[in-house]
Amino acid sequence: MTDGEIRDLLLRTRRIAVAGASDRPGRPSHGVFRFLLDRGYDAVPVNPALDGRPVHGVPSVASLAEAGPLDMVDIFRRSAEAGAVVDEAIRLGATSVWLQLGVIDEAAADRARAAGLIVVMDRCPAIEWGRLGLPPRIATGG
């Protein structure tokens, strides 16, 4: 994706499900979830192992279906597990999937694109936000 496409995606997205969110401060998904909240996103932590425990004050859910409706699914899962999350995002009508740094599944990305989803792979929204010089906060319109 071009810088302009990533900028547009980050600025127009409102609701993000973070698949693989963690309540452990040392985990990258924990920090990125906080970053998304601080940028005004309506973010939902998705992780069945959390059993409803909150992440940064937001109750977790066990599945993407419980997090919907959603614009983006941000995937913090092993590459081998990402395809199933992408397929669920497609089924639930998400408009984009964001596979985090090191999460690469070309076949899943192809399926998502074929279904009309925007795909970002092997990148982090927090890094891209800073790299693109986006404003500190976005309006949620809510």
N, C-alpha and C. Protein backbone atom coordinates (compact mmCIF):
# COMPACT_ATOMS: atom_id res chain seq x y z
N MET A 1 0.84 -1.19 0.00
CA MET A 1 0.00 0.00 0.00
C MET A 1 0.88 1.24 0.00
N THR A 2 0.35 2.29 -0.60
CA THR A 2 1.08 3.56 -0.60
C THR A 2 0.88 4.26 0.74
N ASP A 3 1.75 5.23 0.99
CA ASP A 3 1.59 6.02 2.22
C ASP A 3 0.24 6.71 2.26
N GLY A 4 -0.22 7.21 1.14
CA GLY A 4 -1.52 7.88 1.09
C GLY A 4 -2.66 6.93 1.42
N GLU A 5 -2.59 5.71 0.93
CA GLU A 5 -3.63 4.72 1.22
C GLU A 5 -3.64 4.34 2.70
N ILE A 6 -2.46 4.18 3.28
CA ILE A 6 -2.38 3.86 4.70
C ILE A 6 -2.90 5.02 5.53
N ARG A 7 -2.52 6.24 5.16
CA ARG A 7 -3.00 7.44 5.87
C ARG A 7 -4.53 7.49 5.82
N ASP A 8 -5.10 7.31 4.64
CA ASP A 8 -6.56 7.35 4.50
C ASP A 8 -7.23 6.27 5.34
N LEU A 9 -6.66 5.08 5.32
CA LEU A 9 -7.24 3.98 6.10
C LEU A 9 -7.22 4.31 7.59
N LEU A 10 -6.09 4.78 8.08
CA LEU A 10 -5.98 5.10 9.51
C LEU A 10 -6.92 6.24 9.91
N LEU A 11 -7.11 7.20 9.05
CA LEU A 11 -7.93 8.35 9.40
C LEU A 11 -9.43 8.11 9.26
N ARG A 12 -9.83 7.18 8.40
CA ARG A 12 -11.28 6.96 8.23
C ARG A 12 -11.82 5.79 9.05
N THR A 13 -10.94 4.93 9.53
CA THR A 13 -11.37 3.79 10.34
C THR A 13 -11.86 4.28 11.69
N ARG A 14 -12.91 3.68 12.20
CA ARG A 14 -13.46 4.07 13.50
C ARG A 14 -13.44 2.91 14.50
N ARG A 15 -13.90 1.73 14.10
CA ARG A 15 -14.01 0.60 15.05
C ARG A 15 -13.02 -0.49 14.65
N ILE A 16 -12.18 -0.87 15.63
CA ILE A 16 -11.13 -1.85 15.38
C ILE A 16 -11.23 -2.97 16.41
N ALA A 17 -11.26 -4.20 15.92
CA ALA A 17 -11.13 -5.36 16.78
C ALA A 17 -9.67 -5.78 16.77
N VAL A 18 -9.08 -5.92 17.94
CA VAL A 18 -7.68 -6.32 18.04
C VAL A 18 -7.64 -7.80 18.42
N ALA A 19 -7.45 -8.65 17.41
CA ALA A 19 -7.42 -10.09 17.60
C ALA A 19 -6.08 -10.50 18.17
N GLY A 20 -6.11 -11.10 19.35
CA GLY A 20 -4.88 -11.46 20.03
C GLY A 20 -4.44 -10.40 21.03
N ALA A 21 -5.36 -9.53 21.42
CA ALA A 21 -5.06 -8.50 22.41
C ALA A 21 -4.63 -9.17 23.71
N SER A 22 -3.76 -8.49 24.45
CA SER A 22 -3.27 -9.03 25.72
C SER A 22 -3.46 -8.02 26.83
N ASP A 23 -3.69 -8.54 28.03
CA ASP A 23 -3.76 -7.66 29.20
C ASP A 23 -2.41 -7.59 29.91
N ARG A 24 -1.38 -8.18 29.32
CA ARG A 24 -0.04 -8.15 29.90
C ARG A 24 0.75 -6.97 29.34
N PRO A 25 1.20 -6.06 30.20
CA PRO A 25 1.86 -4.84 29.75
C PRO A 25 3.08 -5.05 28.84
N GLY A 26 3.78 -6.14 28.96
CA GLY A 26 4.96 -6.37 28.14
C GLY A 26 4.69 -6.83 26.72
N ARG A 27 3.44 -7.11 26.41
CA ARG A 27 3.10 -7.63 25.08
C ARG A 27 2.87 -6.48 24.10
N PRO A 28 3.36 -6.61 22.87
CA PRO A 28 3.13 -5.55 21.88
C PRO A 28 1.65 -5.21 21.68
N SER A 29 0.78 -6.22 21.70
CA SER A 29 -0.65 -5.94 21.48
C SER A 29 -1.22 -5.08 22.60
N HIS A 30 -0.68 -5.18 23.78
CA HIS A 30 -1.14 -4.35 24.91
C HIS A 30 -0.84 -2.88 24.63
N GLY A 31 0.37 -2.59 24.19
CA GLY A 31 0.76 -1.21 23.88
C GLY A 31 0.04 -0.65 22.68
N VAL A 32 -0.11 -1.45 21.64
CA VAL A 32 -0.80 -0.98 20.44
C VAL A 32 -2.27 -0.74 20.74
N PHE A 33 -2.87 -1.58 21.57
CA PHE A 33 -4.28 -1.35 21.94
C PHE A 33 -4.42 0.01 22.64
N ARG A 34 -3.52 0.31 23.56
CA ARG A 34 -3.55 1.62 24.24
C ARG A 34 -3.37 2.75 23.22
N PHE A 35 -2.45 2.57 22.29
CA PHE A 35 -2.22 3.56 21.24
C PHE A 35 -3.50 3.82 20.46
N LEU A 36 -4.20 2.77 20.07
CA LEU A 36 -5.44 2.93 19.31
C LEU A 36 -6.50 3.68 20.11
N LEU A 37 -6.64 3.34 21.38
CA LEU A 37 -7.59 4.05 22.23
C LEU A 37 -7.22 5.54 22.33
N ASP A 38 -5.93 5.81 22.50
CA ASP A 38 -5.47 7.19 22.62
C ASP A 38 -5.68 7.99 21.35
N ARG A 39 -5.82 7.32 20.22
CA ARG A 39 -6.06 8.00 18.95
C ARG A 39 -7.55 8.15 18.66
N GLY A 40 -8.39 7.76 19.61
CA GLY A 40 -9.82 7.96 19.46
C GLY A 40 -10.57 6.83 18.79
N TYR A 41 -9.91 5.71 18.56
CA TYR A 41 -10.62 4.58 17.95
C TYR A 41 -11.54 3.91 18.96
N ASP A 42 -12.62 3.36 18.47
CA ASP A 42 -13.50 2.49 19.24
C ASP A 42 -12.89 1.10 19.09
N ALA A 43 -11.99 0.74 20.00
CA ALA A 43 -11.24 -0.52 19.89
C ALA A 43 -11.77 -1.55 20.87
N VAL A 44 -11.77 -2.81 20.43
CA VAL A 44 -12.28 -3.91 21.24
C VAL A 44 -11.20 -5.00 21.29
N PRO A 45 -10.79 -5.41 22.50
CA PRO A 45 -9.83 -6.51 22.61
C PRO A 45 -10.52 -7.86 22.40
N VAL A 46 -9.96 -8.67 21.51
CA VAL A 46 -10.53 -9.99 21.22
C VAL A 46 -9.51 -11.06 21.59
N ASN A 47 -9.88 -11.86 22.60
CA ASN A 47 -9.00 -12.94 23.02
C ASN A 47 -9.79 -13.83 23.97
N PRO A 48 -10.10 -15.07 23.54
CA PRO A 48 -10.89 -15.95 24.41
C PRO A 48 -10.17 -16.29 25.72
N ALA A 49 -8.85 -16.24 25.73
CA ALA A 49 -8.11 -16.57 26.95
C ALA A 49 -8.27 -15.51 28.04
N LEU A 50 -8.68 -14.30 27.66
CA LEU A 50 -8.86 -13.24 28.65
C LEU A 50 -10.12 -13.41 29.48
N ASP A 51 -11.06 -14.21 28.98
CA ASP A 51 -12.28 -14.52 29.72
C ASP A 51 -13.01 -13.27 30.20
N GLY A 52 -13.09 -12.26 29.31
CA GLY A 52 -13.83 -11.05 29.63
C GLY A 52 -13.06 -10.00 30.40
N ARG A 53 -11.82 -10.32 30.84
CA ARG A 53 -11.03 -9.33 31.57
C ARG A 53 -10.75 -8.13 30.67
N PRO A 54 -10.75 -6.94 31.25
CA PRO A 54 -10.54 -5.73 30.45
C PRO A 54 -9.08 -5.53 30.06
N VAL A 55 -8.91 -4.82 28.96
CA VAL A 55 -7.60 -4.34 28.52
C VAL A 55 -7.74 -2.82 28.46
N HIS A 56 -6.96 -2.14 29.25
CA HIS A 56 -7.04 -0.68 29.35
C HIS A 56 -8.48 -0.21 29.59
N GLY A 57 -9.20 -0.95 30.44
CA GLY A 57 -10.55 -0.57 30.83
C GLY A 57 -11.65 -1.00 29.88
N VAL A 58 -11.29 -1.64 28.77
CA VAL A 58 -12.29 -2.09 27.79
C VAL A 58 -12.48 -3.60 27.95
N PRO A 59 -13.70 -4.05 28.24
CA PRO A 59 -13.92 -5.48 28.41
C PRO A 59 -13.55 -6.26 27.15
N SER A 60 -12.86 -7.37 27.35
CA SER A 60 -12.49 -8.20 26.22
C SER A 60 -13.67 -9.09 25.81
N VAL A 61 -13.63 -9.53 24.57
CA VAL A 61 -14.61 -10.48 24.06
C VAL A 61 -13.85 -11.69 23.52
N ALA A 62 -14.56 -12.79 23.40
CA ALA A 62 -13.91 -14.04 22.99
C ALA A 62 -13.79 -14.21 21.49
N SER A 63 -14.61 -13.50 20.71
CA SER A 63 -14.60 -13.72 19.27
C SER A 63 -14.84 -12.42 18.51
N LEU A 64 -14.46 -12.43 17.24
CA LEU A 64 -14.72 -11.27 16.40
C LEU A 64 -16.21 -11.00 16.28
N ALA A 65 -17.01 -12.05 16.24
CA ALA A 65 -18.46 -11.87 16.12
C ALA A 65 -19.00 -11.04 17.29
N GLU A 66 -18.42 -11.20 18.48
CA GLU A 66 -18.85 -10.43 19.65
C GLU A 66 -18.37 -8.99 19.59
N ALA A 67 -17.38 -8.71 18.76
CA ALA A 67 -16.80 -7.37 18.68
C ALA A 67 -17.49 -6.50 17.63
N GLY A 68 -18.27 -7.11 16.75
CA GLY A 68 -18.85 -6.40 15.63
C GLY A 68 -19.91 -5.40 16.01
N PRO A 69 -20.32 -4.56 15.07
CA PRO A 69 -19.76 -4.44 13.71
C PRO A 69 -18.38 -3.77 13.76
N LEU A 70 -17.55 -4.08 12.78
CA LEU A 70 -16.20 -3.54 12.80
C LEU A 70 -15.76 -3.05 11.43
N ASP A 71 -14.87 -2.09 11.49
CA ASP A 71 -14.24 -1.60 10.27
C ASP A 71 -12.99 -2.41 9.99
N MET A 72 -12.12 -2.49 10.98
CA MET A 72 -10.81 -3.12 10.80
C MET A 72 -10.62 -4.23 11.83
N VAL A 73 -9.90 -5.26 11.42
CA VAL A 73 -9.43 -6.28 12.35
C VAL A 73 -7.91 -6.20 12.34
N ASP A 74 -7.34 -5.87 13.48
CA ASP A 74 -5.90 -5.78 13.66
C ASP A 74 -5.45 -7.12 14.26
N ILE A 75 -4.58 -7.84 13.55
CA ILE A 75 -4.30 -9.23 13.88
C ILE A 75 -2.93 -9.40 14.52
N PHE A 76 -2.96 -9.76 15.81
CA PHE A 76 -1.77 -10.12 16.58
C PHE A 76 -1.81 -11.63 16.81
N ARG A 77 -1.63 -12.40 15.78
CA ARG A 77 -1.61 -13.86 15.87
C ARG A 77 -0.44 -14.36 15.05
N ARG A 78 -0.03 -15.59 15.30
CA ARG A 78 1.02 -16.19 14.48
C ARG A 78 0.55 -16.23 13.03
N SER A 79 1.50 -16.16 12.12
CA SER A 79 1.16 -16.19 10.69
C SER A 79 0.31 -17.41 10.35
N ALA A 80 0.62 -18.56 10.94
CA ALA A 80 -0.11 -19.79 10.66
C ALA A 80 -1.57 -19.72 11.12
N GLU A 81 -1.88 -18.82 12.05
CA GLU A 81 -3.23 -18.68 12.58
C GLU A 81 -3.97 -17.49 11.99
N ALA A 82 -3.27 -16.65 11.27
CA ALA A 82 -3.87 -15.41 10.77
C ALA A 82 -4.97 -15.66 9.74
N GLY A 83 -4.82 -16.68 8.91
CA GLY A 83 -5.80 -16.94 7.87
C GLY A 83 -7.20 -17.15 8.39
N ALA A 84 -7.33 -17.86 9.50
CA ALA A 84 -8.65 -18.10 10.07
C ALA A 84 -9.27 -16.78 10.56
N VAL A 85 -8.44 -15.90 11.10
CA VAL A 85 -8.94 -14.60 11.56
C VAL A 85 -9.37 -13.75 10.37
N VAL A 86 -8.57 -13.78 9.31
CA VAL A 86 -8.92 -13.04 8.09
C VAL A 86 -10.23 -13.56 7.52
N ASP A 87 -10.39 -14.87 7.47
CA ASP A 87 -11.63 -15.45 6.94
C ASP A 87 -12.84 -15.02 7.76
N GLU A 88 -12.68 -14.96 9.07
CA GLU A 88 -13.78 -14.51 9.93
C GLU A 88 -14.08 -13.03 9.70
N ALA A 89 -13.03 -12.24 9.52
CA ALA A 89 -13.23 -10.81 9.24
C ALA A 89 -14.00 -10.63 7.93
N ILE A 90 -13.68 -11.42 6.94
CA ILE A 90 -14.40 -11.37 5.66
C ILE A 90 -15.86 -11.72 5.90
N ARG A 91 -16.09 -12.82 6.61
CA ARG A 91 -17.46 -13.30 6.85
C ARG A 91 -18.29 -12.27 7.60
N LEU A 92 -17.66 -11.54 8.51
CA LEU A 92 -18.38 -10.57 9.34
C LEU A 92 -18.52 -9.20 8.69
N GLY A 93 -17.94 -9.02 7.52
CA GLY A 93 -18.12 -7.76 6.80
C GLY A 93 -17.18 -6.64 7.18
N ALA A 94 -16.02 -6.97 7.76
CA ALA A 94 -15.02 -5.93 8.03
C ALA A 94 -14.59 -5.31 6.71
N THR A 95 -14.14 -4.07 6.76
CA THR A 95 -13.70 -3.41 5.53
C THR A 95 -12.19 -3.51 5.33
N SER A 96 -11.46 -3.86 6.42
CA SER A 96 -10.01 -4.00 6.29
C SER A 96 -9.46 -4.97 7.32
N VAL A 97 -8.30 -5.53 6.99
CA VAL A 97 -7.54 -6.34 7.93
C VAL A 97 -6.12 -5.80 7.96
N TRP A 98 -5.56 -5.78 9.16
CA TRP A 98 -4.20 -5.28 9.36
C TRP A 98 -3.43 -6.38 10.05
N LEU A 99 -2.50 -7.00 9.34
CA LEU A 99 -1.66 -8.04 9.91
C LEU A 99 -0.40 -7.39 10.46
N GLN A 100 -0.15 -7.58 11.73
CA GLN A 100 0.92 -6.89 12.43
C GLN A 100 2.31 -7.29 11.93
N LEU A 101 3.31 -6.60 12.44
CA LEU A 101 4.70 -6.89 12.09
C LEU A 101 4.99 -8.37 12.27
N GLY A 102 5.56 -8.99 11.25
CA GLY A 102 5.90 -10.39 11.30
C GLY A 102 4.76 -11.34 10.99
N VAL A 103 3.55 -10.82 10.86
CA VAL A 103 2.39 -11.66 10.55
C VAL A 103 2.17 -11.59 9.04
N ILE A 104 2.50 -12.69 8.37
CA ILE A 104 2.45 -12.73 6.91
C ILE A 104 1.70 -13.97 6.46
N ASP A 105 0.66 -13.77 5.67
CA ASP A 105 -0.11 -14.86 5.08
C ASP A 105 -0.64 -14.35 3.74
N GLU A 106 0.13 -14.59 2.71
CA GLU A 106 -0.22 -14.08 1.38
C GLU A 106 -1.54 -14.66 0.87
N ALA A 107 -1.79 -15.94 1.14
CA ALA A 107 -3.04 -16.55 0.67
C ALA A 107 -4.24 -15.89 1.35
N ALA A 108 -4.15 -15.64 2.65
CA ALA A 108 -5.24 -14.98 3.36
C ALA A 108 -5.41 -13.55 2.85
N ALA A 109 -4.31 -12.87 2.60
CA ALA A 109 -4.38 -11.50 2.06
C ALA A 109 -5.08 -11.51 0.70
N ASP A 110 -4.75 -12.49 -0.13
CA ASP A 110 -5.40 -12.60 -1.44
C ASP A 110 -6.90 -12.83 -1.29
N ARG A 111 -7.30 -13.69 -0.34
CA ARG A 111 -8.73 -13.93 -0.11
C ARG A 111 -9.43 -12.66 0.33
N ALA A 112 -8.78 -11.92 1.22
CA ALA A 112 -9.38 -10.68 1.72
C ALA A 112 -9.53 -9.67 0.58
N ARG A 113 -8.49 -9.50 -0.22
CA ARG A 113 -8.58 -8.55 -1.34
C ARG A 113 -9.66 -8.98 -2.32
N ALA A 114 -9.75 -10.27 -2.59
CA ALA A 114 -10.78 -10.77 -3.52
C ALA A 114 -12.18 -10.49 -2.97
N ALA A 115 -12.32 -10.42 -1.65
CA ALA A 115 -13.62 -10.13 -1.02
C ALA A 115 -13.84 -8.63 -0.88
N GLY A 116 -12.88 -7.82 -1.33
CA GLY A 116 -13.05 -6.37 -1.31
C GLY A 116 -12.49 -5.67 -0.09
N LEU A 117 -11.76 -6.38 0.75
CA LEU A 117 -11.17 -5.76 1.94
C LEU A 117 -9.83 -5.11 1.60
N ILE A 118 -9.51 -4.08 2.33
CA ILE A 118 -8.19 -3.47 2.26
C ILE A 118 -7.28 -4.30 3.16
N VAL A 119 -6.06 -4.57 2.69
CA VAL A 119 -5.14 -5.41 3.44
C VAL A 119 -3.83 -4.66 3.67
N VAL A 120 -3.41 -4.61 4.93
CA VAL A 120 -2.08 -4.13 5.30
C VAL A 120 -1.41 -5.31 6.00
N MET A 121 -0.17 -5.60 5.60
CA MET A 121 0.49 -6.78 6.14
C MET A 121 1.92 -6.46 6.54
N ASP A 122 2.33 -7.05 7.66
CA ASP A 122 3.69 -6.91 8.17
C ASP A 122 4.03 -5.47 8.51
N ARG A 123 3.05 -4.77 9.08
CA ARG A 123 3.22 -3.38 9.52
C ARG A 123 2.47 -3.19 10.82
N CYS A 124 2.77 -2.09 11.50
CA CYS A 124 2.11 -1.75 12.75
C CYS A 124 1.48 -0.38 12.64
N PRO A 125 0.20 -0.23 13.00
CA PRO A 125 -0.43 1.09 12.88
C PRO A 125 0.25 2.16 13.74
N ALA A 126 0.77 1.78 14.90
CA ALA A 126 1.44 2.76 15.75
C ALA A 126 2.70 3.29 15.07
N ILE A 127 3.44 2.42 14.44
CA ILE A 127 4.65 2.84 13.72
C ILE A 127 4.27 3.68 12.52
N GLU A 128 3.28 3.23 11.78
CA GLU A 128 2.86 3.95 10.57
C GLU A 128 2.33 5.33 10.92
N TRP A 129 1.60 5.44 12.02
CA TRP A 129 1.06 6.72 12.46
C TRP A 129 2.18 7.74 12.62
N GLY A 130 3.21 7.34 13.36
CA GLY A 130 4.34 8.24 13.58
C GLY A 130 5.13 8.51 12.33
N ARG A 131 5.37 7.48 11.54
CA ARG A 131 6.14 7.62 10.31
C ARG A 131 5.47 8.59 9.34
N LEU A 132 4.15 8.55 9.31
CA LEU A 132 3.39 9.40 8.39
C LEU A 132 3.14 10.79 8.97
N GLY A 133 3.50 11.00 10.23
CA GLY A 133 3.31 12.31 10.86
C GLY A 133 1.86 12.68 11.04
N LEU A 134 1.02 11.69 11.35
CA LEU A 134 -0.40 11.97 11.54
C LEU A 134 -0.62 12.72 12.85
N PRO A 135 -1.75 13.41 12.97
CA PRO A 135 -2.00 14.23 14.17
C PRO A 135 -2.07 13.37 15.42
N PRO A 136 -1.83 13.96 16.59
CA PRO A 136 -1.81 13.20 17.84
C PRO A 136 -3.12 12.48 18.14
N ARG A 137 -4.26 13.05 17.77
CA ARG A 137 -5.55 12.43 18.03
C ARG A 137 -6.46 12.64 16.83
N ILE A 138 -7.41 11.75 16.67
CA ILE A 138 -8.40 11.91 15.62
C ILE A 138 -9.78 12.07 16.26
N ALA A 139 -10.66 12.74 15.56
CA ALA A 139 -12.04 12.87 16.03
C ALA A 139 -12.76 11.57 15.76
N THR A 140 -13.58 11.13 16.71
CA THR A 140 -14.33 9.89 16.53
C THR A 140 -15.69 10.14 15.90
N GLY A 141 -16.11 11.36 15.85
CA GLY A 141 -17.39 11.67 15.23
C GLY A 141 -18.58 11.20 16.03
N GLY A 142 -18.33 10.66 17.24
CA GLY A 142 -19.41 10.08 18.01
C GLY A 142 -20.09 11.06 18.85
